[in-house]
Amino acid sequence: MIDYNSIVRLVLKLSGVGLVVYGGVSLSSYLPALIHTDSWSEWPALIIFANLAALAMPFLFGMFLWLFPAPVANTIVRGAAAGSQSETLLSHELERIGIALLGLYLFYRAVSDLIYQLMIHRAKVAALGNVRAPDDFPALMTATVIELVLALIFLLQAKGLVNLFRKVRGYPGSAL
């Protein structure tokens, strides 16, 4: 049986892998600038340092999460063991706040994605006219609308989601 601490460790390890992949994808955006640079004297030292730091941080943090998930998980899950009766109202509220913050983040991303997709589509229509080229606009808009709906659910139903999560975890007295 997987306990709560094991799930947190798994999520931390997967987050570490995600950060390393993100760092690798970010690296690909720097390669054209490096290939087309005639001399390194064009690049001030501060810009080089900022770029290296921006590339190194996801790799370092991701590797830390992958190699040392247990200490981080123990810090996150500190206190009562999974299934313990001694959970406090504070932990319940912190989970609710975390879900609401996740909803707020998703809402921000969904609105900015929605604006971006609409502006790009409008620019394509203005540039191409009524010529219908293969377009991924419907798929991107569908994903953005789903993200917006999830964000609103997380924002407006955070308390209900916490109760649902507690019920799934098997905590007694968790009402849906």
N, C-alpha and C. Protein backbone atom coordinates (compact mmCIF):
# COMPACT_ATOMS: atom_id res chain seq x y z
N MET A 1 0.84 -1.19 0.00
CA MET A 1 0.00 0.00 0.00
C MET A 1 0.88 1.24 0.00
N ILE A 2 0.59 2.13 -0.88
CA ILE A 2 1.35 3.36 -0.98
C ILE A 2 0.78 4.36 0.02
N ASP A 3 1.67 4.93 0.82
CA ASP A 3 1.21 5.93 1.78
C ASP A 3 1.40 7.33 1.19
N TYR A 4 0.94 8.31 1.93
CA TYR A 4 0.96 9.70 1.48
C TYR A 4 2.39 10.17 1.22
N ASN A 5 3.32 9.80 2.09
CA ASN A 5 4.71 10.21 1.94
C ASN A 5 5.31 9.65 0.65
N SER A 6 4.97 8.42 0.30
CA SER A 6 5.48 7.82 -0.95
C SER A 6 4.94 8.54 -2.17
N ILE A 7 3.69 8.95 -2.10
CA ILE A 7 3.09 9.69 -3.21
C ILE A 7 3.80 11.03 -3.38
N VAL A 8 4.07 11.71 -2.27
CA VAL A 8 4.77 13.00 -2.33
C VAL A 8 6.17 12.81 -2.92
N ARG A 9 6.86 11.75 -2.52
CA ARG A 9 8.19 11.47 -3.09
C ARG A 9 8.11 11.24 -4.59
N LEU A 10 7.12 10.47 -5.02
CA LEU A 10 6.96 10.22 -6.45
C LEU A 10 6.69 11.51 -7.21
N VAL A 11 5.81 12.34 -6.68
CA VAL A 11 5.51 13.62 -7.34
C VAL A 11 6.75 14.50 -7.39
N LEU A 12 7.55 14.50 -6.33
CA LEU A 12 8.78 15.30 -6.33
C LEU A 12 9.77 14.79 -7.37
N LYS A 13 9.91 13.48 -7.47
CA LYS A 13 10.81 12.92 -8.48
C LYS A 13 10.34 13.27 -9.89
N LEU A 14 9.05 13.15 -10.13
CA LEU A 14 8.51 13.51 -11.45
C LEU A 14 8.65 15.00 -11.72
N SER A 15 8.49 15.81 -10.70
CA SER A 15 8.70 17.25 -10.87
C SER A 15 10.15 17.54 -11.23
N GLY A 16 11.07 16.80 -10.61
CA GLY A 16 12.48 16.96 -10.94
C GLY A 16 12.76 16.62 -12.39
N VAL A 17 12.18 15.53 -12.85
CA VAL A 17 12.35 15.14 -14.26
C VAL A 17 11.76 16.22 -15.17
N GLY A 18 10.59 16.75 -14.79
CA GLY A 18 9.97 17.81 -15.57
C GLY A 18 10.85 19.04 -15.66
N LEU A 19 11.50 19.40 -14.56
CA LEU A 19 12.38 20.57 -14.58
C LEU A 19 13.61 20.34 -15.44
N VAL A 20 14.16 19.14 -15.40
CA VAL A 20 15.31 18.84 -16.25
C VAL A 20 14.92 18.90 -17.72
N VAL A 21 13.76 18.34 -18.06
CA VAL A 21 13.28 18.41 -19.44
C VAL A 21 13.03 19.86 -19.85
N TYR A 22 12.44 20.64 -18.95
CA TYR A 22 12.22 22.06 -19.23
C TYR A 22 13.55 22.77 -19.48
N GLY A 23 14.57 22.44 -18.70
CA GLY A 23 15.89 23.03 -18.92
C GLY A 23 16.45 22.65 -20.27
N GLY A 24 16.25 21.40 -20.68
CA GLY A 24 16.72 20.96 -21.99
C GLY A 24 15.99 21.67 -23.12
N VAL A 25 14.69 21.84 -22.97
CA VAL A 25 13.92 22.56 -23.99
C VAL A 25 14.36 24.02 -24.04
N SER A 26 14.61 24.61 -22.88
CA SER A 26 15.08 26.00 -22.84
C SER A 26 16.44 26.14 -23.51
N LEU A 27 17.28 25.13 -23.36
CA LEU A 27 18.60 25.16 -23.97
C LEU A 27 18.49 25.28 -25.49
N SER A 28 17.50 24.63 -26.07
CA SER A 28 17.36 24.68 -27.52
C SER A 28 17.04 26.08 -28.03
N SER A 29 16.44 26.92 -27.19
CA SER A 29 16.15 28.29 -27.64
C SER A 29 17.40 29.17 -27.62
N TYR A 30 18.45 28.75 -26.91
CA TYR A 30 19.69 29.51 -26.87
C TYR A 30 20.64 29.14 -27.99
N LEU A 31 20.48 27.97 -28.57
CA LEU A 31 21.43 27.49 -29.57
C LEU A 31 21.52 28.38 -30.81
N PRO A 32 20.43 28.89 -31.38
CA PRO A 32 20.59 29.76 -32.55
C PRO A 32 21.45 30.99 -32.27
N ALA A 33 21.29 31.57 -31.09
CA ALA A 33 22.10 32.75 -30.75
C ALA A 33 23.57 32.37 -30.63
N LEU A 34 23.84 31.20 -30.09
CA LEU A 34 25.23 30.77 -29.95
C LEU A 34 25.86 30.43 -31.30
N ILE A 35 25.10 29.84 -32.18
CA ILE A 35 25.63 29.44 -33.49
C ILE A 35 25.92 30.66 -34.36
N HIS A 36 25.07 31.67 -34.30
CA HIS A 36 25.22 32.84 -35.16
C HIS A 36 26.07 33.95 -34.54
N THR A 37 26.68 33.71 -33.40
CA THR A 37 27.54 34.71 -32.78
C THR A 37 28.91 34.68 -33.43
N ASP A 38 29.34 35.84 -33.91
CA ASP A 38 30.66 35.91 -34.54
C ASP A 38 31.77 35.94 -33.50
N SER A 39 31.53 36.65 -32.42
CA SER A 39 32.54 36.70 -31.37
C SER A 39 31.85 36.85 -30.02
N TRP A 40 32.51 36.32 -29.01
CA TRP A 40 31.95 36.40 -27.67
C TRP A 40 32.05 37.80 -27.09
N SER A 41 32.80 38.68 -27.74
CA SER A 41 32.92 40.06 -27.24
C SER A 41 31.61 40.83 -27.41
N GLU A 42 30.71 40.31 -28.27
CA GLU A 42 29.41 40.95 -28.44
C GLU A 42 28.53 40.77 -27.21
N TRP A 43 28.83 39.76 -26.40
CA TRP A 43 28.00 39.43 -25.25
C TRP A 43 28.63 39.98 -23.97
N PRO A 44 27.96 40.89 -23.30
CA PRO A 44 28.48 41.34 -22.00
C PRO A 44 28.47 40.19 -20.98
N ALA A 45 29.39 40.26 -20.04
CA ALA A 45 29.53 39.17 -19.05
C ALA A 45 28.26 38.97 -18.24
N LEU A 46 27.55 40.05 -17.92
CA LEU A 46 26.34 39.93 -17.12
C LEU A 46 25.25 39.16 -17.88
N ILE A 47 25.16 39.39 -19.18
CA ILE A 47 24.16 38.68 -19.98
C ILE A 47 24.52 37.20 -20.08
N ILE A 48 25.81 36.91 -20.25
CA ILE A 48 26.25 35.51 -20.30
C ILE A 48 25.93 34.83 -18.97
N PHE A 49 26.22 35.48 -17.85
CA PHE A 49 25.93 34.91 -16.54
C PHE A 49 24.43 34.71 -16.35
N ALA A 50 23.63 35.68 -16.75
CA ALA A 50 22.18 35.57 -16.59
C ALA A 50 21.63 34.40 -17.41
N ASN A 51 22.14 34.24 -18.62
CA ASN A 51 21.69 33.13 -19.46
C ASN A 51 22.13 31.78 -18.89
N LEU A 52 23.36 31.70 -18.42
CA LEU A 52 23.82 30.45 -17.83
C LEU A 52 23.05 30.11 -16.56
N ALA A 53 22.76 31.12 -15.74
CA ALA A 53 21.98 30.88 -14.52
C ALA A 53 20.56 30.43 -14.86
N ALA A 54 19.97 31.06 -15.87
CA ALA A 54 18.62 30.68 -16.28
C ALA A 54 18.58 29.24 -16.79
N LEU A 55 19.65 28.80 -17.43
CA LEU A 55 19.71 27.42 -17.91
C LEU A 55 20.06 26.44 -16.80
N ALA A 56 20.92 26.84 -15.89
CA ALA A 56 21.41 25.93 -14.85
C ALA A 56 20.37 25.66 -13.76
N MET A 57 19.56 26.65 -13.43
CA MET A 57 18.64 26.49 -12.30
C MET A 57 17.64 25.34 -12.49
N PRO A 58 16.96 25.21 -13.62
CA PRO A 58 16.06 24.06 -13.75
C PRO A 58 16.79 22.72 -13.66
N PHE A 59 18.00 22.64 -14.25
CA PHE A 59 18.77 21.40 -14.18
C PHE A 59 19.15 21.07 -12.73
N LEU A 60 19.69 22.07 -12.02
CA LEU A 60 20.14 21.83 -10.65
C LEU A 60 18.98 21.50 -9.72
N PHE A 61 17.93 22.28 -9.79
CA PHE A 61 16.78 22.04 -8.92
C PHE A 61 16.10 20.73 -9.27
N GLY A 62 15.99 20.43 -10.55
CA GLY A 62 15.39 19.17 -10.98
C GLY A 62 16.20 17.96 -10.53
N MET A 63 17.52 18.05 -10.65
CA MET A 63 18.37 16.96 -10.19
C MET A 63 18.29 16.80 -8.68
N PHE A 64 18.21 17.91 -7.95
CA PHE A 64 18.06 17.84 -6.49
C PHE A 64 16.77 17.12 -6.12
N LEU A 65 15.67 17.48 -6.79
CA LEU A 65 14.40 16.82 -6.50
C LEU A 65 14.44 15.34 -6.87
N TRP A 66 15.14 14.99 -7.95
CA TRP A 66 15.21 13.60 -8.37
C TRP A 66 16.07 12.79 -7.40
N LEU A 67 17.21 13.34 -6.98
CA LEU A 67 18.15 12.58 -6.16
C LEU A 67 17.77 12.56 -4.67
N PHE A 68 17.12 13.61 -4.18
CA PHE A 68 16.82 13.71 -2.76
C PHE A 68 15.34 13.99 -2.49
N PRO A 69 14.44 13.13 -2.97
CA PRO A 69 13.02 13.40 -2.72
C PRO A 69 12.61 13.17 -1.26
N ALA A 70 13.29 12.25 -0.57
CA ALA A 70 12.89 11.90 0.80
C ALA A 70 13.01 13.08 1.76
N PRO A 71 14.14 13.80 1.81
CA PRO A 71 14.20 14.93 2.76
C PRO A 71 13.16 16.01 2.45
N VAL A 72 12.94 16.26 1.16
CA VAL A 72 11.95 17.27 0.79
C VAL A 72 10.55 16.78 1.16
N ALA A 73 10.26 15.52 0.88
CA ALA A 73 8.95 14.97 1.21
C ALA A 73 8.73 14.96 2.72
N ASN A 74 9.76 14.61 3.48
CA ASN A 74 9.63 14.62 4.94
C ASN A 74 9.37 16.02 5.46
N THR A 75 9.92 17.02 4.82
CA THR A 75 9.66 18.40 5.21
C THR A 75 8.22 18.79 4.89
N ILE A 76 7.75 18.36 3.73
CA ILE A 76 6.38 18.70 3.32
C ILE A 76 5.36 17.98 4.18
N VAL A 77 5.60 16.69 4.47
CA VAL A 77 4.62 15.86 5.17
C VAL A 77 4.91 15.85 6.68
N ARG A 78 5.80 16.69 7.15
CA ARG A 78 6.21 16.71 8.55
C ARG A 78 5.00 16.66 9.47
N GLY A 79 5.15 15.95 10.55
CA GLY A 79 4.08 15.89 11.52
C GLY A 79 3.42 14.54 11.52
N ALA A 80 2.12 14.53 11.48
CA ALA A 80 1.35 13.29 11.60
C ALA A 80 1.55 12.39 10.39
N ALA A 81 1.55 11.12 10.63
CA ALA A 81 1.67 10.14 9.55
C ALA A 81 0.34 10.03 8.82
N ALA A 82 0.39 9.46 7.63
CA ALA A 82 -0.84 9.30 6.86
C ALA A 82 -1.80 8.39 7.61
N GLY A 83 -3.06 8.76 7.63
CA GLY A 83 -4.06 7.98 8.31
C GLY A 83 -4.19 8.33 9.79
N SER A 84 -3.37 9.24 10.27
CA SER A 84 -3.42 9.62 11.67
C SER A 84 -4.65 10.48 11.95
N GLN A 85 -5.15 10.36 13.16
CA GLN A 85 -6.36 11.08 13.56
C GLN A 85 -6.04 12.51 14.00
N SER A 86 -4.75 12.83 14.18
CA SER A 86 -4.40 14.10 14.82
C SER A 86 -4.15 15.24 13.84
N GLU A 87 -4.77 15.23 12.70
CA GLU A 87 -4.60 16.32 11.76
C GLU A 87 -5.31 17.56 12.29
N THR A 88 -4.70 18.69 12.07
CA THR A 88 -5.26 19.93 12.59
C THR A 88 -6.03 20.68 11.53
N LEU A 89 -6.76 21.66 12.00
CA LEU A 89 -7.49 22.54 11.09
C LEU A 89 -6.52 23.31 10.21
N LEU A 90 -5.33 23.59 10.75
CA LEU A 90 -4.33 24.33 9.98
C LEU A 90 -3.92 23.56 8.72
N SER A 91 -3.68 22.26 8.84
CA SER A 91 -3.29 21.49 7.66
C SER A 91 -4.42 21.46 6.64
N HIS A 92 -5.65 21.39 7.12
CA HIS A 92 -6.82 21.41 6.23
C HIS A 92 -6.88 22.73 5.47
N GLU A 93 -6.66 23.82 6.18
CA GLU A 93 -6.69 25.14 5.55
C GLU A 93 -5.51 25.34 4.60
N LEU A 94 -4.34 24.82 4.95
CA LEU A 94 -3.19 24.95 4.06
C LEU A 94 -3.43 24.19 2.75
N GLU A 95 -4.06 23.03 2.82
CA GLU A 95 -4.39 22.31 1.60
C GLU A 95 -5.38 23.11 0.76
N ARG A 96 -6.37 23.70 1.41
CA ARG A 96 -7.36 24.50 0.70
C ARG A 96 -6.70 25.70 0.03
N ILE A 97 -5.80 26.35 0.75
CA ILE A 97 -5.10 27.51 0.19
C ILE A 97 -4.21 27.08 -0.98
N GLY A 98 -3.55 25.92 -0.85
CA GLY A 98 -2.71 25.42 -1.94
C GLY A 98 -3.52 25.14 -3.20
N ILE A 99 -4.69 24.53 -3.03
CA ILE A 99 -5.55 24.26 -4.19
C ILE A 99 -6.05 25.56 -4.80
N ALA A 100 -6.41 26.51 -3.96
CA ALA A 100 -6.87 27.80 -4.48
C ALA A 100 -5.75 28.53 -5.22
N LEU A 101 -4.53 28.46 -4.70
CA LEU A 101 -3.40 29.09 -5.39
C LEU A 101 -3.10 28.40 -6.71
N LEU A 102 -3.22 27.09 -6.74
CA LEU A 102 -3.06 26.37 -8.00
C LEU A 102 -4.13 26.81 -9.00
N GLY A 103 -5.36 26.98 -8.52
CA GLY A 103 -6.43 27.47 -9.37
C GLY A 103 -6.15 28.87 -9.89
N LEU A 104 -5.60 29.72 -9.02
CA LEU A 104 -5.26 31.08 -9.44
C LEU A 104 -4.17 31.07 -10.50
N TYR A 105 -3.17 30.22 -10.32
CA TYR A 105 -2.11 30.10 -11.30
C TYR A 105 -2.66 29.60 -12.64
N LEU A 106 -3.49 28.56 -12.59
CA LEU A 106 -4.08 28.05 -13.82
C LEU A 106 -4.98 29.08 -14.49
N PHE A 107 -5.69 29.86 -13.68
CA PHE A 107 -6.54 30.92 -14.23
C PHE A 107 -5.69 31.95 -14.97
N TYR A 108 -4.60 32.37 -14.35
CA TYR A 108 -3.68 33.32 -15.00
C TYR A 108 -3.16 32.75 -16.31
N ARG A 109 -2.71 31.49 -16.29
CA ARG A 109 -2.20 30.87 -17.50
C ARG A 109 -3.27 30.75 -18.57
N ALA A 110 -4.49 30.38 -18.16
CA ALA A 110 -5.57 30.19 -19.13
C ALA A 110 -5.95 31.51 -19.78
N VAL A 111 -6.06 32.57 -19.00
CA VAL A 111 -6.43 33.87 -19.56
C VAL A 111 -5.33 34.37 -20.48
N SER A 112 -4.07 34.26 -20.06
CA SER A 112 -2.98 34.73 -20.93
C SER A 112 -2.88 33.87 -22.19
N ASP A 113 -3.09 32.56 -22.08
CA ASP A 113 -3.10 31.71 -23.27
C ASP A 113 -4.26 32.06 -24.20
N LEU A 114 -5.41 32.33 -23.61
CA LEU A 114 -6.58 32.69 -24.40
C LEU A 114 -6.34 33.98 -25.20
N ILE A 115 -5.80 34.99 -24.54
CA ILE A 115 -5.49 36.25 -25.22
C ILE A 115 -4.45 36.02 -26.31
N TYR A 116 -3.41 35.27 -25.99
CA TYR A 116 -2.36 35.00 -26.97
C TYR A 116 -2.91 34.27 -28.19
N GLN A 117 -3.70 33.21 -27.97
CA GLN A 117 -4.23 32.43 -29.08
C GLN A 117 -5.15 33.27 -29.96
N LEU A 118 -5.99 34.10 -29.34
CA LEU A 118 -6.88 34.95 -30.12
C LEU A 118 -6.10 35.98 -30.94
N MET A 119 -5.07 36.56 -30.34
CA MET A 119 -4.28 37.56 -31.07
C MET A 119 -3.49 36.92 -32.22
N ILE A 120 -2.92 35.75 -31.99
CA ILE A 120 -2.20 35.05 -33.06
C ILE A 120 -3.15 34.67 -34.19
N HIS A 121 -4.33 34.17 -33.83
CA HIS A 121 -5.32 33.80 -34.86
C HIS A 121 -5.74 35.03 -35.66
N ARG A 122 -5.96 36.12 -34.96
CA ARG A 122 -6.35 37.37 -35.64
C ARG A 122 -5.24 37.84 -36.58
N ALA A 123 -3.99 37.75 -36.14
CA ALA A 123 -2.87 38.16 -36.98
C ALA A 123 -2.75 37.25 -38.21
N LYS A 124 -2.99 35.95 -38.04
CA LYS A 124 -2.93 35.03 -39.18
C LYS A 124 -4.03 35.35 -40.18
N VAL A 125 -5.24 35.63 -39.68
CA VAL A 125 -6.35 35.95 -40.58
C VAL A 125 -6.06 37.26 -41.31
N ALA A 126 -5.50 38.25 -40.59
CA ALA A 126 -5.17 39.52 -41.23
C ALA A 126 -4.08 39.35 -42.28
N ALA A 127 -3.11 38.48 -42.02
CA ALA A 127 -2.01 38.30 -42.96
C ALA A 127 -2.40 37.42 -44.14
N LEU A 128 -3.21 36.40 -43.88
CA LEU A 128 -3.54 35.45 -44.94
C LEU A 128 -4.89 35.70 -45.59
N GLY A 129 -5.70 36.51 -44.97
CA GLY A 129 -7.04 36.72 -45.49
C GLY A 129 -7.93 35.55 -45.15
N ASN A 130 -8.81 35.21 -46.05
CA ASN A 130 -9.75 34.11 -45.81
C ASN A 130 -9.22 32.76 -46.26
N VAL A 131 -7.97 32.69 -46.64
CA VAL A 131 -7.38 31.43 -47.06
C VAL A 131 -7.27 30.52 -45.84
N ARG A 132 -7.85 29.34 -45.94
CA ARG A 132 -7.83 28.41 -44.81
C ARG A 132 -6.63 27.47 -44.93
N ALA A 133 -5.64 27.73 -44.14
CA ALA A 133 -4.49 26.84 -44.08
C ALA A 133 -4.69 25.89 -42.90
N PRO A 134 -3.99 24.77 -42.88
CA PRO A 134 -4.09 23.89 -41.71
C PRO A 134 -3.75 24.69 -40.45
N ASP A 135 -4.62 24.60 -39.48
CA ASP A 135 -4.47 25.45 -38.30
C ASP A 135 -4.73 24.63 -37.05
N ASP A 136 -3.99 24.91 -36.01
CA ASP A 136 -4.20 24.22 -34.74
C ASP A 136 -5.01 25.06 -33.77
N PHE A 137 -5.63 26.12 -34.25
CA PHE A 137 -6.39 27.02 -33.40
C PHE A 137 -7.50 26.32 -32.61
N PRO A 138 -8.34 25.48 -33.23
CA PRO A 138 -9.39 24.82 -32.44
C PRO A 138 -8.84 23.94 -31.31
N ALA A 139 -7.77 23.22 -31.58
CA ALA A 139 -7.19 22.36 -30.53
C ALA A 139 -6.62 23.20 -29.39
N LEU A 140 -5.93 24.27 -29.74
CA LEU A 140 -5.35 25.13 -28.70
C LEU A 140 -6.43 25.83 -27.89
N MET A 141 -7.50 26.26 -28.56
CA MET A 141 -8.59 26.91 -27.83
C MET A 141 -9.32 25.91 -26.93
N THR A 142 -9.47 24.67 -27.37
CA THR A 142 -10.10 23.65 -26.54
C THR A 142 -9.27 23.40 -25.29
N ALA A 143 -7.97 23.27 -25.45
CA ALA A 143 -7.09 23.06 -24.29
C ALA A 143 -7.14 24.25 -23.34
N THR A 144 -7.19 25.46 -23.88
CA THR A 144 -7.24 26.65 -23.05
C THR A 144 -8.57 26.73 -22.30
N VAL A 145 -9.66 26.39 -22.94
CA VAL A 145 -10.96 26.42 -22.27
C VAL A 145 -11.01 25.37 -21.16
N ILE A 146 -10.45 24.19 -21.41
CA ILE A 146 -10.40 23.16 -20.36
C ILE A 146 -9.56 23.64 -19.19
N GLU A 147 -8.44 24.27 -19.48
CA GLU A 147 -7.59 24.83 -18.43
C GLU A 147 -8.34 25.89 -17.63
N LEU A 148 -9.12 26.72 -18.31
CA LEU A 148 -9.91 27.75 -17.64
C LEU A 148 -10.98 27.14 -16.74
N VAL A 149 -11.64 26.10 -17.22
CA VAL A 149 -12.67 25.42 -16.42
C VAL A 149 -12.04 24.78 -15.18
N LEU A 150 -10.91 24.09 -15.34
CA LEU A 150 -10.23 23.51 -14.19
C LEU A 150 -9.80 24.58 -13.19
N ALA A 151 -9.32 25.69 -13.71
CA ALA A 151 -8.91 26.78 -12.82
C ALA A 151 -10.09 27.30 -12.00
N LEU A 152 -11.23 27.47 -12.65
CA LEU A 152 -12.41 27.95 -11.92
C LEU A 152 -12.89 26.92 -10.90
N ILE A 153 -12.81 25.64 -11.24
CA ILE A 153 -13.18 24.60 -10.27
C ILE A 153 -12.24 24.65 -9.07
N PHE A 154 -10.94 24.76 -9.32
CA PHE A 154 -9.98 24.83 -8.23
C PHE A 154 -10.19 26.08 -7.38
N LEU A 155 -10.49 27.20 -8.03
CA LEU A 155 -10.70 28.44 -7.28
C LEU A 155 -11.99 28.43 -6.48
N LEU A 156 -13.07 27.99 -7.09
CA LEU A 156 -14.38 28.10 -6.45
C LEU A 156 -14.74 26.91 -5.57
N GLN A 157 -14.12 25.77 -5.80
CA GLN A 157 -14.47 24.57 -5.04
C GLN A 157 -13.26 24.00 -4.29
N ALA A 158 -12.36 24.85 -3.82
CA ALA A 158 -11.16 24.37 -3.14
C ALA A 158 -11.50 23.56 -1.89
N LYS A 159 -12.46 24.03 -1.12
CA LYS A 159 -12.83 23.31 0.11
C LYS A 159 -13.42 21.95 -0.22
N GLY A 160 -14.26 21.88 -1.24
CA GLY A 160 -14.83 20.61 -1.66
C GLY A 160 -13.77 19.65 -2.18
N LEU A 161 -12.77 20.17 -2.91
CA LEU A 161 -11.70 19.31 -3.40
C LEU A 161 -10.84 18.78 -2.27
N VAL A 162 -10.58 19.62 -1.26
CA VAL A 162 -9.82 19.15 -0.10
C VAL A 162 -10.58 18.02 0.59
N ASN A 163 -11.89 18.20 0.76
CA ASN A 163 -12.70 17.14 1.37
C ASN A 163 -12.68 15.87 0.52
N LEU A 164 -12.74 16.03 -0.80
CA LEU A 164 -12.68 14.88 -1.70
C LEU A 164 -11.34 14.17 -1.57
N PHE A 165 -10.24 14.92 -1.56
CA PHE A 165 -8.91 14.33 -1.41
C PHE A 165 -8.78 13.61 -0.08
N ARG A 166 -9.30 14.19 0.97
CA ARG A 166 -9.24 13.55 2.29
C ARG A 166 -10.06 12.27 2.30
N LYS A 167 -11.19 12.28 1.64
CA LYS A 167 -12.02 11.09 1.57
C LYS A 167 -11.31 9.98 0.81
N VAL A 168 -10.65 10.35 -0.30
CA VAL A 168 -9.92 9.37 -1.10
C VAL A 168 -8.75 8.81 -0.29
N ARG A 169 -8.08 9.66 0.50
CA ARG A 169 -6.97 9.21 1.32
C ARG A 169 -7.42 8.32 2.48
N GLY A 170 -8.73 8.36 2.79
CA GLY A 170 -9.23 7.49 3.85
C GLY A 170 -9.29 8.13 5.22
N TYR A 171 -9.25 9.46 5.29
CA TYR A 171 -9.36 10.11 6.58
C TYR A 171 -10.78 10.01 7.09
N PRO A 172 -10.97 9.56 8.33
CA PRO A 172 -12.33 9.47 8.86
C PRO A 172 -12.92 10.85 9.10
N GLY A 173 -14.20 10.95 8.98
CA GLY A 173 -14.89 12.21 9.24
C GLY A 173 -14.83 13.20 8.08
N SER A 174 -14.32 12.77 6.93
CA SER A 174 -14.25 13.64 5.78
C SER A 174 -15.58 13.58 5.05
N ALA A 175 -16.27 14.69 5.07
CA ALA A 175 -17.57 14.73 4.42
C ALA A 175 -17.43 15.29 3.02
N LEU A 176 -18.17 14.75 2.11
CA LEU A 176 -18.18 15.28 0.74
C LEU A 176 -19.25 16.32 0.69
